[in-house]
Amino acid sequence: MNFQLDLIKDKVEFFEAASLQELEKKINTQIENNKAIMLRVKSVSHQTAVAEGRILYSAVVHFAAEA
């Protein structure tokens, strides 16, 4: 049996929350999870939108393998 592992080089994740604190907590949790597979934050993009009278915070985080 031949067993081969491929490394994840890039990963993009999307987050949304009703508050900035909740969004930050979700992102920080995922940063810690991705450290286990040797990925670090390469860039972060965030946006705020108003939908049905509510504010929605969202972010896109690009993780990349350590150089």
PDB file of N, CA and C in Angstrom:
ATOM      1  N   MET A   1       0.848  -1.176   0.000  1.00  0.00           N
ATOM      2  CA  MET A   1       0.000   0.000   0.000  1.00  0.00           C
ATOM      3  C   MET A   1       0.892   1.238   0.000  1.00  0.00           C
ATOM      4  N   ASN A   2       0.603   2.164  -0.881  1.00  0.00           N
ATOM      5  CA  ASN A   2       1.359   3.405  -0.997  1.00  0.00           C
ATOM      6  C   ASN A   2       0.607   4.515  -0.273  1.00  0.00           C
ATOM      7  N   PHE A   3       1.269   5.182   0.655  1.00  0.00           N
ATOM      8  CA  PHE A   3       0.635   6.232   1.452  1.00  0.00           C
ATOM      9  C   PHE A   3       1.376   7.538   1.202  1.00  0.00           C
ATOM     10  N   GLN A   4       0.658   8.570   0.752  1.00  0.00           N
ATOM     11  CA  GLN A   4       1.297   9.835   0.427  1.00  0.00           C
ATOM     12  C   GLN A   4       0.515  10.984   1.065  1.00  0.00           C
ATOM     13  N   LEU A   5       1.245  11.910   1.672  1.00  0.00           N
ATOM     14  CA  LEU A   5       0.639  13.088   2.281  1.00  0.00           C
ATOM     15  C   LEU A   5       0.960  14.319   1.448  1.00  0.00           C
ATOM     16  N   ASP A   6      -0.024  15.162   1.243  1.00  0.00           N
ATOM     17  CA  ASP A   6       0.184  16.438   0.567  1.00  0.00           C
ATOM     18  C   ASP A   6      -0.004  17.548   1.585  1.00  0.00           C
ATOM     19  N   LEU A   7       0.862  18.530   1.528  1.00  0.00           N
ATOM     20  CA  LEU A   7       0.758  19.670   2.437  1.00  0.00           C
ATOM     21  C   LEU A   7      -0.228  20.694   1.905  1.00  0.00           C
ATOM     22  N   ILE A   8      -0.967  21.293   2.807  1.00  0.00           N
ATOM     23  CA  ILE A   8      -1.843  22.407   2.439  1.00  0.00           C
ATOM     24  C   ILE A   8      -0.976  23.652   2.388  1.00  0.00           C
ATOM     25  N   LYS A   9      -0.974  24.324   1.245  1.00  0.00           N
ATOM     26  CA  LYS A   9      -0.132  25.505   1.086  1.00  0.00           C
ATOM     27  C   LYS A   9      -0.913  26.794   1.288  1.00  0.00           C
ATOM     28  N   ASP A  10      -2.161  26.793   0.873  1.00  0.00           N
ATOM     29  CA  ASP A  10      -3.025  27.968   1.014  1.00  0.00           C
ATOM     30  C   ASP A  10      -4.422  27.528   1.423  1.00  0.00           C
ATOM     31  N   LYS A  11      -5.051  28.380   2.220  1.00  0.00           N
ATOM     32  CA  LYS A  11      -6.403  28.084   2.693  1.00  0.00           C
ATOM     33  C   LYS A  11      -7.097  29.421   2.931  1.00  0.00           C
ATOM     34  N   VAL A  12      -8.320  29.555   2.440  1.00  0.00           N
ATOM     35  CA  VAL A  12      -9.099  30.782   2.641  1.00  0.00           C
ATOM     36  C   VAL A  12     -10.344  30.406   3.428  1.00  0.00           C
ATOM     37  N   GLU A  13     -10.596  31.157   4.498  1.00  0.00           N
ATOM     38  CA  GLU A  13     -11.768  30.887   5.328  1.00  0.00           C
ATOM     39  C   GLU A  13     -12.605  32.147   5.476  1.00  0.00           C
ATOM     40  N   PHE A  14     -13.910  31.958   5.579  1.00  0.00           N
ATOM     41  CA  PHE A  14     -14.863  33.055   5.684  1.00  0.00           C
ATOM     42  C   PHE A  14     -15.544  33.002   7.043  1.00  0.00           C
ATOM     43  N   PHE A  15     -15.736  34.159   7.649  1.00  0.00           N
ATOM     44  CA  PHE A  15     -16.358  34.251   8.967  1.00  0.00           C
ATOM     45  C   PHE A  15     -17.417  35.346   8.955  1.00  0.00           C
ATOM     46  N   GLU A  16     -18.452  35.162   9.778  1.00  0.00           N
ATOM     47  CA  GLU A  16     -19.436  36.221   9.968  1.00  0.00           C
ATOM     48  C   GLU A  16     -19.951  36.158  11.399  1.00  0.00           C
ATOM     49  N   ALA A  17     -20.353  37.335  11.910  1.00  0.00           N
ATOM     50  CA  ALA A  17     -20.834  37.407  13.290  1.00  0.00           C
ATOM     51  C   ALA A  17     -21.679  38.664  13.453  1.00  0.00           C
ATOM     52  N   ALA A  18     -22.413  38.702  14.551  1.00  0.00           N
ATOM     53  CA  ALA A  18     -23.274  39.844  14.854  1.00  0.00           C
ATOM     54  C   ALA A  18     -22.532  40.948  15.596  1.00  0.00           C
ATOM     55  N   SER A  19     -21.327  40.653  16.109  1.00  0.00           N
ATOM     56  CA  SER A  19     -20.537  41.669  16.809  1.00  0.00           C
ATOM     57  C   SER A  19     -19.063  41.501  16.463  1.00  0.00           C
ATOM     58  N   LEU A  20     -18.319  42.577  16.615  1.00  0.00           N
ATOM     59  CA  LEU A  20     -16.886  42.512  16.343  1.00  0.00           C
ATOM     60  C   LEU A  20     -16.171  41.570  17.299  1.00  0.00           C
ATOM     61  N   GLN A  21     -16.593  41.554  18.552  1.00  0.00           N
ATOM     62  CA  GLN A  21     -15.967  40.682  19.541  1.00  0.00           C
ATOM     63  C   GLN A  21     -16.159  39.210  19.174  1.00  0.00           C
ATOM     64  N   GLU A  22     -17.356  38.867  18.731  1.00  0.00           N
ATOM     65  CA  GLU A  22     -17.652  37.489  18.338  1.00  0.00           C
ATOM     66  C   GLU A  22     -16.844  37.113  17.086  1.00  0.00           C
ATOM     67  N   LEU A  23     -16.733  38.026  16.145  1.00  0.00           N
ATOM     68  CA  LEU A  23     -15.963  37.783  14.929  1.00  0.00           C
ATOM     69  C   LEU A  23     -14.486  37.565  15.261  1.00  0.00           C
ATOM     70  N   GLU A  24     -13.948  38.418  16.125  1.00  0.00           N
ATOM     71  CA  GLU A  24     -12.555  38.288  16.531  1.00  0.00           C
ATOM     72  C   GLU A  24     -12.307  36.949  17.227  1.00  0.00           C
ATOM     73  N   LYS A  25     -13.237  36.518  18.061  1.00  0.00           N
ATOM     74  CA  LYS A  25     -13.092  35.253  18.773  1.00  0.00           C
ATOM     75  C   LYS A  25     -13.077  34.077  17.794  1.00  0.00           C
ATOM     76  N   LYS A  26     -13.962  34.105  16.796  1.00  0.00           N
ATOM     77  CA  LYS A  26     -14.002  33.040  15.797  1.00  0.00           C
ATOM     78  C   LYS A  26     -12.698  32.971  15.008  1.00  0.00           C
ATOM     79  N   ILE A  27     -12.198  34.133  14.613  1.00  0.00           N
ATOM     80  CA  ILE A  27     -10.956  34.177  13.832  1.00  0.00           C
ATOM     81  C   ILE A  27      -9.782  33.687  14.670  1.00  0.00           C
ATOM     82  N   ASN A  28      -9.683  34.149  15.914  1.00  0.00           N
ATOM     83  CA  ASN A  28      -8.580  33.725  16.787  1.00  0.00           C
ATOM     84  C   ASN A  28      -8.597  32.228  17.050  1.00  0.00           C
ATOM     85  N   THR A  29      -9.772  31.656  17.207  1.00  0.00           N
ATOM     86  CA  THR A  29      -9.895  30.214  17.402  1.00  0.00           C
ATOM     87  C   THR A  29      -9.366  29.463  16.181  1.00  0.00           C
ATOM     88  N   GLN A  30      -9.727  29.951  14.995  1.00  0.00           N
ATOM     89  CA  GLN A  30      -9.283  29.274  13.782  1.00  0.00           C
ATOM     90  C   GLN A  30      -7.793  29.478  13.526  1.00  0.00           C
ATOM     91  N   ILE A  31      -7.253  30.608  13.929  1.00  0.00           N
ATOM     92  CA  ILE A  31      -5.811  30.830  13.818  1.00  0.00           C
ATOM     93  C   ILE A  31      -5.070  29.780  14.640  1.00  0.00           C
ATOM     94  N   GLU A  32      -5.528  29.538  15.851  1.00  0.00           N
ATOM     95  CA  GLU A  32      -4.901  28.523  16.707  1.00  0.00           C
ATOM     96  C   GLU A  32      -5.025  27.131  16.094  1.00  0.00           C
ATOM     97  N   ASN A  33      -6.191  26.815  15.513  1.00  0.00           N
ATOM     98  CA  ASN A  33      -6.386  25.510  14.878  1.00  0.00           C
ATOM     99  C   ASN A  33      -5.443  25.329  13.691  1.00  0.00           C
ATOM    100  N   ASN A  34      -5.262  26.381  12.904  1.00  0.00           N
ATOM    101  CA  ASN A  34      -4.429  26.286  11.710  1.00  0.00           C
ATOM    102  C   ASN A  34      -2.936  26.268  12.025  1.00  0.00           C
ATOM    103  N   LYS A  35      -2.564  26.730  13.202  1.00  0.00           N
ATOM    104  CA  LYS A  35      -1.155  26.625  13.610  1.00  0.00           C
ATOM    105  C   LYS A  35      -0.735  25.162  13.688  1.00  0.00           C
ATOM    106  N   ALA A  36      -1.675  24.287  14.036  1.00  0.00           N
ATOM    107  CA  ALA A  36      -1.374  22.857  14.148  1.00  0.00           C
ATOM    108  C   ALA A  36      -0.996  22.250  12.801  1.00  0.00           C
ATOM    109  N   ILE A  37      -1.489  22.816  11.718  1.00  0.00           N
ATOM    110  CA  ILE A  37      -1.126  22.318  10.386  1.00  0.00           C
ATOM    111  C   ILE A  37      -0.165  23.286   9.696  1.00  0.00           C
ATOM    112  N   MET A  38       0.525  24.067  10.497  1.00  0.00           N
ATOM    113  CA  MET A  38       1.602  24.964  10.075  1.00  0.00           C
ATOM    114  C   MET A  38       1.166  26.012   9.046  1.00  0.00           C
ATOM    115  N   LEU A  39      -0.016  26.572   9.249  1.00  0.00           N
ATOM    116  CA  LEU A  39      -0.496  27.677   8.421  1.00  0.00           C
ATOM    117  C   LEU A  39      -0.525  28.939   9.258  1.00  0.00           C
ATOM    118  N   ARG A  40      -0.125  30.037   8.661  1.00  0.00           N
ATOM    119  CA  ARG A  40      -0.141  31.338   9.328  1.00  0.00           C
ATOM    120  C   ARG A  40      -0.981  32.304   8.528  1.00  0.00           C
ATOM    121  N   VAL A  41      -1.433  33.369   9.149  1.00  0.00           N
ATOM    122  CA  VAL A  41      -2.254  34.377   8.483  1.00  0.00           C
ATOM    123  C   VAL A  41      -1.405  35.142   7.476  1.00  0.00           C
ATOM    124  N   LYS A  42      -1.880  35.190   6.254  1.00  0.00           N
ATOM    125  CA  LYS A  42      -1.210  35.947   5.207  1.00  0.00           C
ATOM    126  C   LYS A  42      -1.899  37.295   5.007  1.00  0.00           C
ATOM    127  N   SER A  43      -3.242  37.289   5.033  1.00  0.00           N
ATOM    128  CA  SER A  43      -3.973  38.551   4.909  1.00  0.00           C
ATOM    129  C   SER A  43      -5.375  38.401   5.495  1.00  0.00           C
ATOM    130  N   VAL A  44      -5.948  39.547   5.857  1.00  0.00           N
ATOM    131  CA  VAL A  44      -7.301  39.597   6.407  1.00  0.00           C
ATOM    132  C   VAL A  44      -8.044  40.731   5.722  1.00  0.00           C
ATOM    133  N   SER A  45      -9.256  40.453   5.311  1.00  0.00           N
ATOM    134  CA  SER A  45     -10.118  41.472   4.725  1.00  0.00           C
ATOM    135  C   SER A  45     -11.441  41.426   5.483  1.00  0.00           C
ATOM    136  N   HIS A  46     -11.982  42.575   5.820  1.00  0.00           N
ATOM    137  CA  HIS A  46     -13.230  42.572   6.586  1.00  0.00           C
ATOM    138  C   HIS A  46     -14.220  43.566   5.998  1.00  0.00           C
ATOM    139  N   GLN A  47     -15.482  43.363   6.345  1.00  0.00           N
ATOM    140  CA  GLN A  47     -16.551  44.196   5.812  1.00  0.00           C
ATOM    141  C   GLN A  47     -17.699  44.242   6.816  1.00  0.00           C
ATOM    142  N   THR A  48     -18.409  45.361   6.788  1.00  0.00           N
ATOM    143  CA  THR A  48     -19.604  45.522   7.613  1.00  0.00           C
ATOM    144  C   THR A  48     -20.784  45.784   6.685  1.00  0.00           C
ATOM    145  N   ALA A  49     -21.891  45.122   6.942  1.00  0.00           N
ATOM    146  CA  ALA A  49     -23.089  45.306   6.127  1.00  0.00           C
ATOM    147  C   ALA A  49     -24.301  45.454   7.035  1.00  0.00           C
ATOM    148  N   VAL A  50     -25.308  46.147   6.527  1.00  0.00           N
ATOM    149  CA  VAL A  50     -26.572  46.282   7.249  1.00  0.00           C
ATOM    150  C   VAL A  50     -27.617  45.509   6.464  1.00  0.00           C
ATOM    151  N   ALA A  51     -28.214  44.512   7.115  1.00  0.00           N
ATOM    152  CA  ALA A  51     -29.236  43.685   6.487  1.00  0.00           C
ATOM    153  C   ALA A  51     -30.429  43.597   7.420  1.00  0.00           C
ATOM    154  N   GLU A  52     -31.580  43.981   6.935  1.00  0.00           N
ATOM    155  CA  GLU A  52     -32.818  43.939   7.717  1.00  0.00           C
ATOM    156  C   GLU A  52     -32.672  44.683   9.038  1.00  0.00           C
ATOM    157  N   GLY A  53     -31.997  45.826   9.009  1.00  0.00           N
ATOM    158  CA  GLY A  53     -31.820  46.636  10.203  1.00  0.00           C
ATOM    159  C   GLY A  53     -30.782  46.128  11.182  1.00  0.00           C
ATOM    160  N   ARG A  54     -30.074  45.076  10.842  1.00  0.00           N
ATOM    161  CA  ARG A  54     -29.038  44.516  11.711  1.00  0.00           C
ATOM    162  C   ARG A  54     -27.673  44.700  11.069  1.00  0.00           C
ATOM    163  N   ILE A  55     -26.670  44.893  11.896  1.00  0.00           N
ATOM    164  CA  ILE A  55     -25.303  45.010  11.407  1.00  0.00           C
ATOM    165  C   ILE A  55     -24.685  43.616  11.390  1.00  0.00           C
ATOM    166  N   LEU A  56     -24.078  43.281  10.268  1.00  0.00           N
ATOM    167  CA  LEU A  56     -23.412  41.991  10.126  1.00  0.00           C
ATOM    168  C   LEU A  56     -21.949  42.246   9.800  1.00  0.00           C
ATOM    169  N   TYR A  57     -21.069  41.642  10.578  1.00  0.00           N
ATOM    170  CA  TYR A  57     -19.631  41.773  10.382  1.00  0.00           C
ATOM    171  C   TYR A  57     -19.133  40.497   9.722  1.00  0.00           C
ATOM    172  N   SER A  58     -18.292  40.650   8.709  1.00  0.00           N
ATOM    173  CA  SER A  58     -17.735  39.480   8.037  1.00  0.00           C
ATOM    174  C   SER A  58     -16.248  39.699   7.770  1.00  0.00           C
ATOM    175  N   ALA A  59     -15.546  38.591   7.586  1.00  0.00           N
ATOM    176  CA  ALA A  59     -14.111  38.655   7.319  1.00  0.00           C
ATOM    177  C   ALA A  59     -13.707  37.462   6.468  1.00  0.00           C
ATOM    178  N   VAL A  60     -12.672  37.698   5.681  1.00  0.00           N
ATOM    179  CA  VAL A  60     -12.036  36.649   4.901  1.00  0.00           C
ATOM    180  C   VAL A  60     -10.588  36.600   5.357  1.00  0.00           C
ATOM    181  N   VAL A  61     -10.133  35.412   5.754  1.00  0.00           N
ATOM    182  CA  VAL A  61      -8.762  35.260   6.226  1.00  0.00           C
ATOM    183  C   VAL A  61      -8.050  34.274   5.297  1.00  0.00           C
ATOM    184  N   HIS A  62      -6.919  34.730   4.756  1.00  0.00           N
ATOM    185  CA  HIS A  62      -6.098  33.885   3.891  1.00  0.00           C
ATOM    186  C   HIS A  62      -4.950  33.338   4.721  1.00  0.00           C
ATOM    187  N   PHE A  63      -4.902  32.022   4.839  1.00  0.00           N
ATOM    188  CA  PHE A  63      -3.823  31.356   5.560  1.00  0.00           C
ATOM    189  C   PHE A  63      -2.852  30.783   4.525  1.00  0.00           C
ATOM    190  N   ALA A  64      -1.561  30.829   4.839  1.00  0.00           N
ATOM    191  CA  ALA A  64      -0.546  30.279   3.948  1.00  0.00           C
ATOM    192  C   ALA A  64       0.487  29.523   4.756  1.00  0.00           C
ATOM    193  N   ALA A  65       1.131  28.573   4.088  1.00  0.00           N
ATOM    194  CA  ALA A  65       2.162  27.777   4.745  1.00  0.00           C
ATOM    195  C   ALA A  65       3.347  28.651   5.109  1.00  0.00           C
ATOM    196  N   GLU A  66       4.010  28.287   6.190  1.00  0.00           N
ATOM    197  CA  GLU A  66       5.197  29.024   6.608  1.00  0.00           C
ATOM    198  C   GLU A  66       6.299  28.832   5.586  1.00  0.00           C
ATOM    199  N   ALA A  67       7.040  29.884   5.348  1.00  0.00           N
ATOM    200  CA  ALA A  67       8.122  29.809   4.361  1.00  0.00           C
ATOM    201  C   ALA A  67       9.354  29.158   4.933  1.00  0.00           C
TER     202      ALA A  67
END
